Amino acid sequence: MEMNKNIKGIIIGGVAEIIACILLFLLTAFALTKAGYIPDSIISTLTTVLSAASCLIGGFITGRLVKSSGMLTGAATGFILLFIQLLISLISGELSPTVMIIIKAAAMILSGAIGGIFGVNKKEKI
């Protein structure tokens, strides 16, 4: 029963982080379009920050649902988005081994774990 609850929470958190990622990227794309010129150097950092924020949201939701093992389930949720982004990059032919991929992977998994910890430790409203 406990394993099914964890898997269900990770899947729901993964879907939530994918939706959050899409919404954050759309909102940022709109804002950057309105801003005009965008330096190329900022794009990679911006995508890492937005992806990490999405993983934080997904990890938090997973932690709230599972109510235990927040760090582990949150990190697993963060890995879901990382895997999807790496798969899309591989399919599109844009995947090149750089240090930024390692930084992005660490940021996403770590922020998912932190979100999971916050989700588990959030107090219920009375």
Protein backbone atom coordinates (compact mmCIF):
# COMPACT_ATOMS: atom_id res chain seq x y z
CA MET A 1 0.00 0.00 0.00
CA GLU A 2 2.81 2.40 0.93
CA MET A 3 4.61 1.82 -2.39
CA ASN A 4 1.45 2.53 -4.40
CA LYS A 5 0.91 5.75 -2.44
CA ASN A 6 4.48 6.86 -3.17
CA ILE A 7 4.26 6.06 -6.88
CA LYS A 8 0.87 7.75 -7.20
CA GLY A 9 2.20 10.85 -5.42
CA ILE A 10 5.30 10.96 -7.62
CA ILE A 11 3.21 10.65 -10.79
CA ILE A 12 0.78 13.38 -9.70
CA GLY A 13 3.67 15.62 -8.65
CA GLY A 14 5.41 14.90 -11.97
CA VAL A 15 2.34 15.92 -13.95
CA ALA A 16 2.00 19.06 -11.80
CA GLU A 17 5.63 20.01 -12.39
CA ILE A 18 5.27 19.50 -16.15
CA ILE A 19 2.21 21.77 -16.18
CA ALA A 20 4.05 24.32 -13.99
CA CYS A 21 7.06 24.16 -16.32
CA ILE A 22 4.94 24.76 -19.41
CA LEU A 23 3.13 27.68 -17.77
CA LEU A 24 6.35 29.25 -16.48
CA PHE A 25 8.04 28.90 -19.86
CA LEU A 26 5.02 30.39 -21.67
CA LEU A 27 4.81 33.30 -19.25
CA THR A 28 8.55 33.95 -19.54
CA ALA A 29 8.48 33.68 -23.34
CA PHE A 30 5.69 36.24 -23.43
CA ALA A 31 7.58 38.60 -21.11
CA LEU A 32 10.83 38.22 -23.05
CA THR A 33 9.02 38.84 -26.34
CA LYS A 34 7.57 42.07 -24.98
CA ALA A 35 10.99 43.09 -23.64
CA GLY A 36 12.56 43.02 -27.08
CA TYR A 37 16.23 42.04 -27.24
CA ILE A 38 17.29 39.05 -25.16
CA PRO A 39 20.97 38.21 -24.67
CA ASP A 40 21.76 34.62 -25.64
CA SER A 41 23.85 34.18 -22.51
CA ILE A 42 20.80 34.48 -20.27
CA ILE A 43 18.69 31.77 -21.94
CA SER A 44 20.51 28.76 -20.50
CA THR A 45 20.48 30.16 -16.96
CA LEU A 46 16.85 31.18 -17.28
CA THR A 47 15.74 27.72 -18.41
CA THR A 48 17.63 26.16 -15.49
CA VAL A 49 15.96 28.49 -12.97
CA LEU A 50 12.49 27.92 -14.43
CA SER A 51 12.99 24.15 -14.53
CA ALA A 52 14.21 24.14 -10.92
CA ALA A 53 11.20 26.21 -9.85
CA SER A 54 8.90 23.71 -11.58
CA CYS A 55 10.64 20.84 -9.78
CA LEU A 56 10.22 22.67 -6.47
CA ILE A 57 6.47 22.92 -7.12
CA GLY A 58 6.22 19.27 -8.18
CA GLY A 59 8.28 18.10 -5.19
CA PHE A 60 6.09 20.12 -2.83
CA ILE A 61 2.91 18.57 -4.23
CA THR A 62 4.44 15.10 -4.02
CA GLY A 63 5.48 15.70 -0.41
CA ARG A 64 1.99 16.88 0.50
CA LEU A 65 0.44 13.77 -1.06
CA VAL A 66 2.89 11.15 0.19
CA LYS A 67 3.43 12.69 3.67
CA SER A 68 6.70 10.78 4.19
CA SER A 69 10.14 10.44 2.59
CA GLY A 70 9.86 13.97 1.20
CA MET A 71 13.47 14.22 0.09
CA LEU A 72 13.43 10.93 -1.81
CA THR A 73 10.03 11.31 -3.44
CA GLY A 74 10.68 14.98 -4.25
CA ALA A 75 14.01 14.08 -5.89
CA ALA A 76 12.25 11.36 -7.91
CA THR A 77 9.70 13.93 -9.03
CA GLY A 78 12.49 16.30 -10.06
CA PHE A 79 14.12 13.49 -12.03
CA ILE A 80 10.92 13.03 -14.07
CA LEU A 81 11.15 16.53 -15.57
CA LEU A 82 14.90 16.19 -16.03
CA PHE A 83 14.42 12.93 -17.93
CA ILE A 84 11.74 14.45 -20.16
CA GLN A 85 13.86 17.51 -20.96
CA LEU A 86 16.91 15.36 -21.72
CA LEU A 87 14.81 13.08 -23.91
CA ILE A 88 13.42 16.03 -25.88
CA SER A 89 16.93 17.45 -26.30
CA LEU A 90 18.22 14.07 -27.47
CA ILE A 91 15.40 13.64 -29.99
CA SER A 92 15.82 17.17 -31.35
CA GLY A 93 19.58 16.72 -31.66
CA GLU A 94 20.33 19.63 -29.33
CA LEU A 95 21.89 17.56 -26.53
CA SER A 96 25.55 18.36 -26.17
CA PRO A 97 27.53 17.24 -23.12
CA THR A 98 28.40 20.38 -21.17
CA VAL A 99 28.87 21.38 -17.57
CA MET A 100 25.53 23.23 -17.75
CA ILE A 101 23.68 19.90 -18.11
CA ILE A 102 25.22 18.66 -14.86
CA ILE A 103 24.36 21.94 -13.11
CA LYS A 104 20.80 21.81 -14.46
CA ALA A 105 20.39 18.17 -13.38
CA ALA A 106 21.67 18.93 -9.88
CA ALA A 107 19.46 22.00 -9.58
CA MET A 108 16.34 20.15 -10.70
CA ILE A 109 16.83 17.08 -8.51
CA LEU A 110 17.88 19.17 -5.50
CA SER A 111 14.96 21.60 -5.82
CA GLY A 112 12.55 18.67 -6.18
CA ALA A 113 13.99 17.20 -2.97
CA ILE A 114 13.69 20.54 -1.17
CA GLY A 115 10.10 20.89 -2.37
CA GLY A 116 9.37 17.39 -1.08
CA ILE A 117 10.81 18.26 2.33
CA PHE A 118 8.71 21.43 2.50
CA GLY A 119 5.62 19.49 1.40
CA VAL A 120 6.02 16.83 4.07
CA ASN A 121 6.73 19.36 6.82
CA LYS A 122 3.93 21.81 5.96
CA LYS A 123 1.51 22.06 8.84
CA GLU A 124 -2.17 21.40 8.24
CA LYS A 125 -4.55 24.33 8.71
CA ILE A 126 -6.73 24.00 11.78
